[in-house]
Every structure is written in C-alpha cells, then in structure tokens.
Amino acid sequence: MRIALAAGDGIGPEIMAATLELFAAAGVSKLVEFVPVEMGEAIFARGNTRGMTDEAIRIVEDLGVLFKGPMATPTGGGGKSINVTARKMWSAYANYRHFRTLPGVVTPYSKAGINLDFAIVRENIEDTYGGIEHRLTNDVMVAKRIITAPGCDEVLRFAFETAKRMGIDTVHCSHKANIMKMTDGLFLERFRTMAAEYPGIAAPDVIVDALCMNLVMKPSQYKMVVLTNLQGDIVSDLAAGLVGGLGFAPSANIGRNISIFEAVHGTAPDIAGKGIANPTALVLSGLMMLRHIGLEKQAATLENALLVALEEGAHTGDFGDRSKPTLNTESFIKEIIARLGHEPKTVKPAPAGSSDRINYATPAKPETPLMMRTITDVKKEVAGMDVYVEAVHPAADTAVQMERLCASSPFHITLVSCRGMQVWPRGSAFTECVDYWRVRFELRDGRTATQADAITLLGHIAEHALVSEYELLRTFNGTRGWTLAQGQ
C-alpha cells in the first residue's frame, strides 16, 4: 500500500524520520510505501496560500491516506491553517483523539494513582472553522457558525460505531444548547436520534463548561465525548494536558474517502534541528494509522514496545525521570526498537488484534462533491426577516424610521436588538449598544408573503439606511426557524 507522507515543519522532519525508522524495524516498510508530498511552510513561502502543491493534492486524493508531521500556519500574508484546509477539503469529518495515562509520564493524576483512558471525538468540518467572517460596521466583526444535520450525523455515527467496536458502553454529547439553541440544539437533537440506533450504549449529555470542570476534577467518569468543532478543539487540548500534554496525544482525522493521521502539537522551531524532540505523539498517531489500514498486530507490537520503553524510564528532555539519562530523538527510538516483542508489566498490553495484513481499499474518486441531505419533506413558509443596519442614533429612532418604511408591506417591526439583546420595544437604559442594530420584521396578522416581498421591503430600507446583513425568517413545518432575542 502507498501512503502520502508530509514530514512537516520545524521538528517535523526529525520526528517523522524517527517514526519511520521504528516502523521499518517492525516490518511495516515491507507492506507500506510512503510517498513524500510537498506541504507546509516552504510551499506558503512560494506564495501558495493553500500550503500544498497541486501534485500533493493529487497524490493524497489518489492514495486516500495522509501521514503528516506538525505544520506551521503563516503569520499574515493570507495563508490559512494547512491543517484546517486539509481536513475540510478532503472532508475528514471526525477528529479522534485517545487520551490515556502512559508509564513514565508524570501528571497530577498519575501521582494520585488515577489512570485515565478516554477519547474525544470532534466534528472536524463545520462550526466557526468555516472562517466566514465580515466587518460590518466601524466597530463590529461577525463570524458565521454553520452546523448541519448531515455534518452532525457523520461525526455522531463515527463516535457510536467506534464505541461499539471498542467495547465502550457510554458516549457523552457535550454542547452549549442552553445558549445556542438552534446550532448546538441541532447537534444535541441529532445525537439523541443517533443514540436510539445503539441501545447498548448509554448516551448522556453534558454542557461543555461543566465538562471542562468535570475533566479537571474527575476525568475518569468519561469514556468517550463527542463535541462540535470549536468546543472539541478546546476540550481535546485540555484533555491532552491531563495526560502530559500534546506530545502524548495522537490524532486521527477520518473521512468517507480520505483520512489524515498527524501530530497536533506545534513545530517547536526553538529546538528544530537539534535532534532532541519527543516523537511519541507522532508514533501514537502512526499506530492509529496502521490499525486503520489493517495492520493491527504490527501496531500492537510497536505500542507494547513503546510502553515498555516508557515503563523502564526511556525519555526525552521534555518529560520523565531525571535520575535517568535524557535521550535524544534517535536514541529514544532505538530504545523502543530494542524492546520490540516485549510487553509492559505495569499497564495493560495493547491487544494484538486479528489482522496483520492490509485490508484497506482506496475508495473510488467521486466525480463531483457529494450533496448530503438528512431532513426532507419540510413545509417552509416565509414569516419575516431580520435586517441588520448600521446606525449611531438611538434604537427608538431606528424603530420609528423602520415602522414608516414597512407601512405598506405585509410586515411590521416587532423588535430592535443590539448584540443579541432586545432594546426596543422593551429594554433598559443600562444596556450598552454599538452601531449594529438588528431590526426584526414579522408578518402582520392574516397576511402571507414570499421572499420577493421581503426583498422588496429590503430594497426600500436600503434607500434610507445602510444594510449590512439580511436573514429571511421562515417556519419549518410550522416551527419557528429563528431564536428570540435575549430579554424578549
């Protein structure tokens, strides 16, 4: 099998070379050919804002699996995170990270005799990671948060299927649906719908701020947690801190067609080229990749050798027993190689699995992007619109102006809000406002309307006020498709 290989930036080439040396010692190189691709800092420096060449994209899409080291995101210049670009472009919708106490890695929990072993599954495509942002007024920037039912279903099914395969009996959904009632509300609703298909798995939910507190106070109560993208990003780094840091946190990005296995820690430019970096996270990510393609026995052999080396005190400069010699990257890998075929004594050995042959088949390349649909047969009716206008005069003055402008339309003004808080017709003089008003228009009693009616009114408003945004309000099978303002 051929696998695309991007060594990464900073310490990436060093830890990747060490990891491949380890894999070769276990016979992986007899079964896998790693194909180098051009990605990262050097490509950004050529003016390529994607950070990857066209040839690299073609190779990854042909092969279906990418193994990558840490990569730098350029500061300024317009280039976006190559990690986010790769995940989104290739629809690697589920980020899976396994966190556990490792021998020789001292943490407050290991000192207390608490062994951690849990997973975070993070939706990897949507949310604010769409990077859709605009400046709307002098003082206001807005980001759009996108949560879709098909996107939820993909990552939630991955979580439940992974839990089922691994014998995990509880999957928590973490969310902020108490505040983001429609976006996180959809994620929680789809979680509950999906959970009904897996009656053998308990499916509680927990608000994300409570989850963070619980993870610090009593992390052992969780086995697997699934979250939306931004919340999952934050929580997964928090979880890494519980087991020693990102240097011990493997990461897999799983998609329908393409999957990416990577170290998610930084490029550590301050130690790059010195040969002293810790390769553990990349090794563990590579083991996830080997299991993904069917090399379960080889992965177990490698994992057990790593555990024995850690158990016996092998360590790089960023962790470990200081009474024992600090190893450089190459020496650390050789300590692992020397223990191939051994099993740890202080922790449970990795299960051998049943397969030692590649069973991965590269999916056929789709001709066009897949159009996903989940919720169908919905009756939609226009109920109004939210118009966002820039103004520095009081909300009451805006309301008077808008009442005059909509007088001959099927709509009437029902609300003016600022930063999500109602300021008209009811409000408080203590509510501080900015130059960004949301004006809500809803249907007058007994009237109906189309989008064209809303656009006609919008055009009329635009002749008298600066409109920065517009949202059509609709009902879906009679249910309101928008939220109330705070204080409404």
Protein backbone atom coordinates (compact mmCIF):
# COMPACT_ATOMS: atom_id res chain seq x y z
CA MET A 1 0.00 0.00 0.00
CA ARG A 2 1.15 3.56 -0.75
CA ILE A 3 0.57 6.31 1.84
CA ALA A 4 1.16 10.03 1.29
CA LEU A 5 3.79 11.43 3.64
CA ALA A 6 4.26 15.08 4.67
CA ALA A 7 7.12 15.36 7.16
CA GLY A 8 6.07 18.79 8.42
CA ASP A 9 7.89 21.90 9.57
CA GLY A 10 10.22 22.64 12.46
CA ILE A 11 10.82 19.39 14.33
CA GLY A 12 8.54 17.55 11.89
CA PRO A 13 11.24 16.04 9.64
CA GLU A 14 13.19 14.77 12.67
CA ILE A 15 10.32 13.07 14.44
CA MET A 16 8.95 11.71 11.16
CA ALA A 17 12.30 10.14 10.25
CA ALA A 18 12.50 8.57 13.71
CA THR A 19 8.94 7.24 13.47
CA LEU A 20 9.57 5.69 10.05
CA GLU A 21 12.76 4.08 11.38
CA LEU A 22 10.71 2.49 14.15
CA PHE A 23 8.04 1.28 11.72
CA ALA A 24 10.69 -0.21 9.44
CA ALA A 25 12.13 -2.15 12.38
CA ALA A 26 8.72 -3.75 12.89
CA GLY A 27 8.45 -4.74 9.21
CA VAL A 28 5.93 -2.08 8.18
CA SER A 29 8.13 -0.89 5.30
CA LYS A 30 7.71 -4.31 3.66
CA LEU A 31 4.00 -3.63 3.36
CA VAL A 32 3.76 0.16 3.05
CA GLU A 33 5.49 2.62 0.72
CA PHE A 34 5.47 6.21 1.96
CA VAL A 35 5.20 8.74 -0.87
CA PRO A 36 6.55 12.22 0.02
CA VAL A 37 4.32 15.20 -0.82
CA GLU A 38 5.07 18.91 -0.68
CA MET A 39 3.14 20.68 2.06
CA GLY A 40 3.84 23.29 4.68
CA GLU A 41 5.94 26.36 5.34
CA ALA A 42 8.09 26.14 2.22
CA ILE A 43 5.05 26.00 -0.02
CA PHE A 44 3.47 29.01 1.71
CA ALA A 45 6.76 30.85 1.15
CA ARG A 46 6.34 30.38 -2.61
CA GLY A 47 3.09 32.34 -2.45
CA ASN A 48 0.79 29.30 -2.45
CA THR A 49 -1.90 30.23 0.10
CA ARG A 50 -3.13 26.63 0.37
CA GLY A 51 0.27 25.49 1.60
CA MET A 52 0.25 22.40 -0.62
CA THR A 53 1.11 21.83 -4.26
CA ASP A 54 -1.37 20.58 -6.85
CA GLU A 55 0.71 17.42 -7.14
CA ALA A 56 0.47 16.85 -3.38
CA ILE A 57 -3.31 17.19 -3.56
CA ARG A 58 -3.48 14.71 -6.45
CA ILE A 59 -1.34 12.14 -4.63
CA VAL A 60 -3.35 12.33 -1.40
CA GLU A 61 -6.61 12.00 -3.32
CA ASP A 62 -5.26 9.02 -5.27
CA LEU A 63 -3.95 7.21 -2.17
CA GLY A 64 -6.62 8.04 0.42
CA VAL A 65 -4.33 8.22 3.50
CA LEU A 66 -2.00 11.03 4.60
CA PHE A 67 0.56 10.74 7.40
CA LYS A 68 1.80 14.18 8.41
CA GLY A 69 4.01 15.90 10.92
CA PRO A 70 3.28 19.24 12.59
CA MET A 71 2.96 22.19 10.21
CA ALA A 72 3.23 25.91 10.75
CA THR A 73 0.49 28.38 9.84
CA PRO A 74 2.00 31.54 8.32
CA THR A 75 1.58 34.80 10.20
CA GLY A 76 -0.03 37.31 7.84
CA GLY A 77 0.03 37.01 4.07
CA GLY A 78 -3.42 35.45 3.74
CA GLY A 79 -2.42 31.81 4.15
CA LYS A 80 -4.80 29.81 6.34
CA SER A 81 -4.05 26.81 8.53
CA ILE A 82 -2.98 23.92 6.32
CA ASN A 83 -4.37 21.52 8.94
CA VAL A 84 -7.86 23.02 8.69
CA THR A 85 -7.64 23.29 4.90
CA ALA A 86 -6.71 19.62 4.53
CA ARG A 87 -9.45 18.38 6.86
CA LYS A 88 -12.13 20.48 5.17
CA MET A 89 -11.04 19.99 1.56
CA TRP A 90 -10.96 16.21 1.96
CA SER A 91 -13.98 16.02 4.29
CA ALA A 92 -12.11 14.30 7.12
CA TYR A 93 -15.15 14.96 9.28
CA ALA A 94 -14.23 13.15 12.52
CA ASN A 95 -11.23 14.01 14.65
CA TYR A 96 -10.48 11.16 17.04
CA ARG A 97 -8.04 11.52 19.92
CA HIS A 98 -7.29 8.91 22.55
CA PHE A 99 -6.00 10.13 25.92
CA ARG A 100 -4.52 7.78 28.49
CA THR A 101 -2.02 7.65 31.30
CA LEU A 102 1.33 6.46 29.96
CA PRO A 103 4.02 4.88 32.14
CA GLY A 104 6.88 7.25 32.88
CA VAL A 105 4.78 10.34 32.06
CA VAL A 106 4.16 12.00 35.42
CA THR A 107 1.00 14.06 35.86
CA PRO A 108 -1.02 15.12 38.92
CA TYR A 109 -3.36 12.21 38.19
CA SER A 110 -0.64 9.58 37.84
CA LYS A 111 0.84 10.81 41.14
CA ALA A 112 -2.57 10.23 42.72
CA GLY A 113 -2.78 6.73 41.23
CA ILE A 114 -5.56 7.71 38.80
CA ASN A 115 -5.18 6.11 35.39
CA LEU A 116 -7.01 7.93 32.60
CA ASP A 117 -8.30 6.30 29.44
CA PHE A 118 -10.89 8.15 27.35
CA ALA A 119 -11.48 9.53 23.86
CA ILE A 120 -12.61 12.85 22.41
CA VAL A 121 -14.42 12.85 19.08
CA ARG A 122 -14.62 16.28 17.49
CA GLU A 123 -16.64 17.32 14.46
CA ASN A 124 -13.96 18.50 12.06
CA ILE A 125 -15.56 20.42 9.18
CA GLU A 126 -18.22 22.89 10.30
CA ASP A 127 -18.81 25.42 13.08
CA THR A 128 -16.81 28.66 13.08
CA TYR A 129 -13.99 26.81 11.32
CA GLY A 130 -15.67 27.78 8.08
CA GLY A 131 -13.74 31.00 8.65
CA ILE A 132 -16.67 33.05 7.29
CA GLU A 133 -16.12 36.47 8.82
CA HIS A 134 -17.03 40.02 7.88
CA ARG A 135 -16.52 43.54 9.15
CA LEU A 136 -19.99 45.07 9.17
CA THR A 137 -19.53 48.48 10.80
CA ASN A 138 -16.75 50.61 12.28
CA ASP A 139 -16.87 48.57 15.48
CA VAL A 140 -18.43 45.22 14.63
CA MET A 141 -16.94 41.99 13.28
CA VAL A 142 -19.13 38.93 12.74
CA ALA A 143 -18.32 35.24 12.24
CA LYS A 144 -20.87 32.78 10.88
CA ARG A 145 -21.35 29.48 12.69
CA ILE A 146 -22.57 26.65 10.46
CA ILE A 147 -23.98 23.43 11.91
CA THR A 148 -25.74 20.98 9.57
CA ALA A 149 -27.76 17.85 10.19
CA PRO A 150 -25.68 15.72 7.74
CA GLY A 151 -22.47 17.00 9.32
CA CYS A 152 -23.73 16.11 12.77
CA ASP A 153 -24.83 12.67 11.64
CA GLU A 154 -21.46 11.81 10.10
CA VAL A 155 -19.43 12.51 13.22
CA LEU A 156 -22.03 11.10 15.61
CA ARG A 157 -22.25 7.81 13.73
CA PHE A 158 -18.46 7.59 13.75
CA ALA A 159 -18.48 8.08 17.53
CA PHE A 160 -21.09 5.40 18.18
CA GLU A 161 -19.56 2.94 15.70
CA THR A 162 -16.11 3.43 17.23
CA ALA A 163 -17.52 2.98 20.74
CA LYS A 164 -19.31 -0.19 19.65
CA ARG A 165 -16.16 -1.62 18.05
CA MET A 166 -14.01 -0.81 21.08
CA GLY A 167 -16.50 -2.01 23.70
CA ILE A 168 -17.15 1.48 25.12
CA ASP A 169 -20.54 1.49 26.82
CA THR A 170 -21.07 5.25 27.31
CA VAL A 171 -20.80 8.15 24.87
CA HIS A 172 -21.38 11.67 26.20
CA CYS A 173 -22.54 14.52 23.98
CA SER A 174 -21.09 17.83 25.11
CA HIS A 175 -22.72 21.05 23.91
CA LYS A 176 -23.90 24.56 24.69
CA ALA A 177 -27.50 24.04 23.63
CA ASN A 178 -28.74 26.00 26.63
CA ILE A 179 -27.44 29.15 24.88
CA MET A 180 -27.03 28.26 21.19
CA LYS A 181 -30.43 26.67 20.99
CA MET A 182 -30.55 26.13 17.24
CA THR A 183 -26.95 25.23 16.32
CA ASP A 184 -25.88 23.24 19.36
CA GLY A 185 -29.55 22.34 19.74
CA LEU A 186 -29.41 20.57 16.37
CA PHE A 187 -26.21 18.74 17.37
CA LEU A 188 -27.85 17.50 20.58
CA GLU A 189 -31.06 16.55 18.77
CA ARG A 190 -29.17 14.51 16.17
CA PHE A 191 -27.12 12.89 18.97
CA ARG A 192 -30.31 11.70 20.66
CA THR A 193 -31.70 10.46 17.35
CA MET A 194 -28.49 8.57 16.58
CA ALA A 195 -28.26 7.13 20.09
CA ALA A 196 -31.59 5.37 19.55
CA GLU A 197 -29.84 3.16 16.97
CA TYR A 198 -27.32 1.97 19.60
CA PRO A 199 -29.41 0.75 22.56
CA GLY A 200 -26.41 -0.95 24.17
CA ILE A 201 -24.57 2.35 24.59
CA ALA A 202 -25.61 4.89 27.24
CA ALA A 203 -25.90 8.40 25.76
CA PRO A 204 -25.97 11.17 28.39
CA ASP A 205 -25.18 14.79 27.59
CA VAL A 206 -23.23 17.46 29.45
CA ILE A 207 -22.90 21.22 28.93
CA VAL A 208 -19.38 21.99 27.75
CA ASP A 209 -18.38 24.28 30.62
CA ALA A 210 -19.46 21.64 33.12
CA LEU A 211 -17.50 19.07 31.10
CA CYS A 212 -14.32 21.13 31.41
CA MET A 213 -14.75 21.39 35.16
CA ASN A 214 -15.51 17.67 35.46
CA LEU A 215 -12.50 16.72 33.34
CA VAL A 216 -10.24 18.56 35.75
CA MET A 217 -11.95 17.31 38.91
CA LYS A 218 -12.87 13.74 37.97
CA PRO A 219 -11.85 12.84 34.39
CA SER A 220 -12.25 9.11 34.92
CA GLN A 221 -16.04 9.44 34.72
CA TYR A 222 -15.79 9.84 30.92
CA LYS A 223 -15.08 7.17 28.31
CA MET A 224 -15.90 8.99 25.08
CA VAL A 225 -17.15 12.53 24.49
CA VAL A 226 -18.36 13.89 21.14
CA LEU A 227 -18.46 17.64 20.51
CA THR A 228 -18.82 20.29 17.83
CA ASN A 229 -15.69 21.64 16.17
CA LEU A 230 -14.53 24.65 18.22
CA GLN A 231 -15.62 23.20 21.56
CA GLY A 232 -13.98 19.90 20.62
CA ASP A 233 -10.75 21.67 19.70
CA ILE A 234 -10.55 23.36 23.09
CA VAL A 235 -11.60 20.31 25.11
CA SER A 236 -9.22 17.96 23.30
CA ASP A 237 -6.27 20.19 24.17
CA LEU A 238 -7.49 20.37 27.76
CA ALA A 239 -7.66 16.58 27.77
CA ALA A 240 -4.10 16.37 26.42
CA GLY A 241 -2.98 18.43 29.40
CA LEU A 242 -4.40 15.81 31.74
CA VAL A 243 -2.10 13.09 30.35
CA GLY A 244 1.09 15.09 29.95
CA GLY A 245 0.49 17.43 27.01
CA LEU A 246 0.13 17.38 23.24
CA GLY A 247 3.40 15.46 22.99
CA PHE A 248 1.47 12.37 24.12
CA ALA A 249 -1.81 12.95 22.23
CA PRO A 250 -2.34 11.05 18.96
CA SER A 251 -4.81 12.36 16.39
CA ALA A 252 -6.74 10.82 13.51
CA ASN A 253 -8.96 12.71 11.06
CA ILE A 254 -11.33 10.21 9.49
CA GLY A 255 -13.34 10.83 6.33
CA ARG A 256 -15.51 8.88 3.96
CA ASN A 257 -12.71 8.80 1.34
CA ILE A 258 -9.56 10.30 2.83
CA SER A 259 -8.10 10.09 6.34
CA ILE A 260 -5.25 12.06 7.90
CA PHE A 261 -3.08 10.94 10.79
CA GLU A 262 -0.97 13.63 12.40
CA ALA A 263 0.79 15.01 15.43
CA VAL A 264 -1.20 18.04 16.57
CA HIS A 265 1.48 19.67 18.69
CA GLY A 266 3.46 22.65 17.43
CA THR A 267 6.51 22.74 15.19
CA ALA A 268 8.78 23.82 18.11
CA PRO A 269 11.11 25.96 15.97
CA ASP A 270 13.27 26.71 19.04
CA ILE A 271 14.55 23.12 19.12
CA ALA A 272 14.26 22.25 15.42
CA GLY A 273 17.41 20.69 14.02
CA LYS A 274 18.81 19.79 17.43
CA GLY A 275 17.60 16.18 17.34
CA ILE A 276 16.06 16.32 20.81
CA ALA A 277 12.31 16.39 20.05
CA ASN A 278 9.86 13.91 21.54
CA PRO A 279 8.34 11.74 18.76
CA THR A 280 5.75 9.97 20.95
CA ALA A 281 2.63 11.77 19.64
CA LEU A 282 3.57 11.10 16.02
CA VAL A 283 4.37 7.46 16.81
CA LEU A 284 0.98 7.02 18.50
CA SER A 285 -0.77 8.73 15.57
CA GLY A 286 1.05 6.38 13.22
CA LEU A 287 -0.20 3.40 15.23
CA MET A 288 -3.75 4.63 14.72
CA MET A 289 -3.00 4.77 11.01
CA LEU A 290 -1.63 1.21 10.96
CA ARG A 291 -4.77 -0.07 12.64
CA HIS A 292 -6.87 1.92 10.16
CA ILE A 293 -5.33 0.05 7.22
CA GLY A 294 -5.47 -3.36 8.90
CA LEU A 295 -2.01 -3.80 10.44
CA GLU A 296 -3.39 -4.42 13.91
CA LYS A 297 -0.72 -6.90 15.06
CA GLN A 298 2.15 -4.69 13.93
CA ALA A 299 0.57 -1.72 15.71
CA ALA A 300 0.22 -3.74 18.91
CA THR A 301 3.86 -4.87 18.74
CA LEU A 302 5.02 -1.28 18.31
CA GLU A 303 2.72 0.06 21.01
CA ASN A 304 3.85 -2.51 23.53
CA ALA A 305 7.50 -1.75 22.77
CA LEU A 306 6.80 1.96 23.35
CA LEU A 307 5.04 1.20 26.63
CA VAL A 308 7.93 -0.97 27.84
CA ALA A 309 10.47 1.72 26.94
CA LEU A 310 8.46 4.35 28.83
CA GLU A 311 7.93 1.93 31.72
CA GLU A 312 11.69 1.38 32.00
CA GLY A 313 12.43 5.10 32.07
CA ALA A 314 13.34 5.98 28.48
CA HIS A 315 12.57 9.68 27.99
CA THR A 316 13.43 12.78 26.00
CA GLY A 317 14.14 16.11 27.64
CA ASP A 318 10.53 17.24 28.00
CA PHE A 319 9.43 14.52 30.44
CA GLY A 320 10.49 11.57 32.53
CA ASP A 321 12.65 10.52 35.45
CA ARG A 322 15.54 12.99 35.70
CA SER A 323 17.65 10.43 37.53
CA LYS A 324 17.88 8.51 34.25
CA PRO A 325 19.72 9.72 31.14
CA THR A 326 17.91 12.12 28.86
CA LEU A 327 17.77 10.72 25.34
CA ASN A 328 17.77 12.48 22.01
CA THR A 329 15.17 11.61 19.38
CA GLU A 330 17.26 8.92 17.69
CA SER A 331 18.28 7.26 20.96
CA PHE A 332 14.71 7.28 22.22
CA ILE A 333 13.51 5.47 19.10
CA LYS A 334 16.33 2.92 19.40
CA GLU A 335 15.21 2.18 22.98
CA ILE A 336 11.77 1.35 21.60
CA ILE A 337 13.21 -0.77 18.79
CA ALA A 338 15.27 -2.73 21.34
CA ARG A 339 12.04 -3.72 23.10
CA LEU A 340 10.08 -4.97 20.09
CA GLY A 341 8.44 -8.25 21.09
CA HIS A 342 8.25 -7.30 24.78
CA GLU A 343 5.10 -6.45 26.76
CA PRO A 344 4.68 -3.93 29.58
CA LYS A 345 4.25 -5.09 33.18
CA THR A 346 2.73 -2.05 34.89
CA VAL A 347 -0.01 -1.34 32.34
CA LYS A 348 -2.25 -3.50 30.23
CA PRO A 349 -0.57 -4.59 26.97
CA ALA A 350 -2.10 -3.45 23.71
CA PRO A 351 -4.48 -6.07 22.27
CA ALA A 352 -2.88 -7.92 19.36
CA GLY A 353 -5.90 -7.75 17.11
CA SER A 354 -6.67 -10.29 14.44
CA SER A 355 -5.13 -8.78 11.31
CA ASP A 356 -1.54 -8.43 10.15
CA ARG A 357 -2.36 -7.69 6.52
CA ILE A 358 -3.56 -4.55 4.80
CA ASN A 359 -7.32 -4.65 4.31
CA TYR A 360 -7.74 -1.01 3.32
CA ALA A 361 -9.11 -0.28 -0.15
CA THR A 362 -8.80 3.22 -1.58
CA PRO A 363 -12.34 4.40 -2.40
CA ALA A 364 -13.18 5.34 -5.95
CA LYS A 365 -12.70 9.05 -6.56
CA PRO A 366 -16.07 10.83 -6.74
CA GLU A 367 -16.85 12.75 -9.92
CA THR A 368 -18.42 15.68 -8.08
CA PRO A 369 -18.74 16.79 -4.44
CA LEU A 370 -21.33 14.75 -2.55
CA MET A 371 -24.60 16.54 -1.79
CA MET A 372 -25.75 15.33 1.64
CA ARG A 373 -29.35 15.53 2.85
CA THR A 374 -30.82 14.45 6.18
CA ILE A 375 -34.08 16.27 6.86
CA THR A 376 -36.55 16.22 3.95
CA ASP A 377 -40.30 16.71 3.36
CA VAL A 378 -40.37 20.03 5.17
CA LYS A 379 -43.03 22.67 4.55
CA LYS A 380 -41.40 26.10 4.65
CA GLU A 381 -43.22 29.41 4.83
CA VAL A 382 -41.88 32.97 4.89
CA ALA A 383 -42.59 34.61 8.24
CA GLY A 384 -40.45 37.73 8.15
CA MET A 385 -36.86 38.90 8.04
CA ASP A 386 -34.06 40.26 10.18
CA VAL A 387 -32.36 43.31 8.71
CA TYR A 388 -29.06 44.49 10.21
CA VAL A 389 -28.44 48.19 9.80
CA GLU A 390 -25.56 50.46 10.76
CA ALA A 391 -26.65 53.47 12.78
CA VAL A 392 -25.49 55.55 15.72
CA HIS A 393 -28.82 57.07 16.72
CA PRO A 394 -30.97 55.52 19.48
CA ALA A 395 -32.88 52.29 18.95
CA ALA A 396 -36.23 54.08 19.28
CA ASP A 397 -35.30 56.36 16.38
CA THR A 398 -34.38 53.34 14.27
CA ALA A 399 -37.73 51.76 15.15
CA VAL A 400 -39.69 54.86 14.11
CA GLN A 401 -37.83 55.01 10.80
CA MET A 402 -38.41 51.30 10.10
CA GLU A 403 -42.09 51.47 11.03
CA ARG A 404 -42.51 54.17 8.41
CA LEU A 405 -40.61 52.21 5.76
CA CYS A 406 -42.61 48.97 6.21
CA ALA A 407 -46.04 50.62 6.45
CA SER A 408 -47.22 49.42 3.03
CA SER A 409 -45.63 45.95 3.23
CA PRO A 410 -47.02 42.65 4.58
CA PHE A 411 -44.59 43.04 7.53
CA HIS A 412 -44.43 45.08 10.70
CA ILE A 413 -41.49 45.75 13.01
CA THR A 414 -41.50 43.66 16.18
CA LEU A 415 -38.02 44.04 17.59
CA VAL A 416 -34.80 46.02 17.62
CA SER A 417 -31.83 44.34 19.28
CA CYS A 418 -28.14 45.03 19.70
CA ARG A 419 -25.56 42.30 20.22
CA GLY A 420 -28.45 39.87 20.69
CA MET A 421 -30.20 41.88 23.45
CA GLN A 422 -33.63 43.41 22.92
CA VAL A 423 -33.55 47.22 23.21
CA TRP A 424 -36.96 48.05 21.64
CA PRO A 425 -39.93 47.98 22.29
CA ARG A 426 -38.74 46.96 25.75
CA GLY A 427 -35.27 47.43 27.10
CA SER A 428 -33.09 49.08 29.70
CA ALA A 429 -31.14 52.33 29.63
CA PHE A 430 -28.28 50.35 31.16
CA THR A 431 -27.85 48.17 28.05
CA GLU A 432 -24.74 49.37 26.25
CA CYS A 433 -25.08 49.45 22.45
CA VAL A 434 -22.90 49.63 19.36
CA ASP A 435 -23.52 50.77 15.78
CA TYR A 436 -25.12 47.49 14.69
CA TRP A 437 -28.89 47.08 15.03
CA ARG A 438 -30.94 44.02 14.23
CA VAL A 439 -34.41 45.02 13.12
CA ARG A 440 -36.92 42.20 13.01
CA PHE A 441 -39.93 42.30 10.72
CA GLU A 442 -42.70 39.71 11.04
CA LEU A 443 -45.91 39.10 9.12
CA ARG A 444 -48.91 41.18 10.00
CA ASP A 445 -51.87 39.15 11.27
CA GLY A 446 -53.66 37.35 8.46
CA ARG A 447 -51.05 38.18 5.84
CA THR A 448 -48.81 35.89 3.82
CA ALA A 449 -45.64 36.75 1.94
CA THR A 450 -42.92 35.44 -0.30
CA GLN A 451 -39.19 36.02 -0.36
CA ALA A 452 -39.82 38.56 -3.12
CA ASP A 453 -41.97 40.61 -0.71
CA ALA A 454 -39.16 40.59 1.82
CA ILE A 455 -36.61 41.61 -0.82
CA THR A 456 -38.87 44.44 -1.97
CA LEU A 457 -39.00 45.81 1.58
CA LEU A 458 -35.26 45.27 1.94
CA GLY A 459 -34.65 47.38 -1.17
CA HIS A 460 -36.87 50.13 0.22
CA ILE A 461 -34.94 50.09 3.52
CA ALA A 462 -31.63 50.18 1.66
CA GLU A 463 -32.63 53.53 0.09
CA HIS A 464 -32.72 55.10 3.57
CA ALA A 465 -30.30 53.07 5.75
CA LEU A 466 -27.05 51.16 5.38
CA VAL A 467 -27.93 47.45 5.38
CA SER A 468 -25.02 45.17 6.31
CA GLU A 469 -26.86 41.84 6.57
CA TYR A 470 -30.22 40.24 5.87
CA GLU A 471 -31.72 36.97 7.05
CA LEU A 472 -35.02 35.54 5.81
CA LEU A 473 -37.20 34.19 8.63
CA ARG A 474 -39.17 31.04 7.84
CA THR A 475 -41.17 28.42 9.64
CA PHE A 476 -40.33 24.76 9.08
CA ASN A 477 -43.37 22.50 9.41
CA GLY A 478 -44.93 25.27 11.46
CA THR A 479 -41.96 25.60 13.84
CA ARG A 480 -40.14 28.92 14.14
CA GLY A 481 -36.77 28.82 12.38
CA TRP A 482 -35.16 31.57 14.44
CA THR A 483 -34.47 32.37 18.08
CA LEU A 484 -35.88 35.08 20.27
CA ALA A 485 -33.64 37.91 21.33
CA GLN A 486 -32.24 37.93 24.85
CA GLY A 487 -34.81 39.61 27.07
CA GLN A 488 -37.63 39.23 24.54
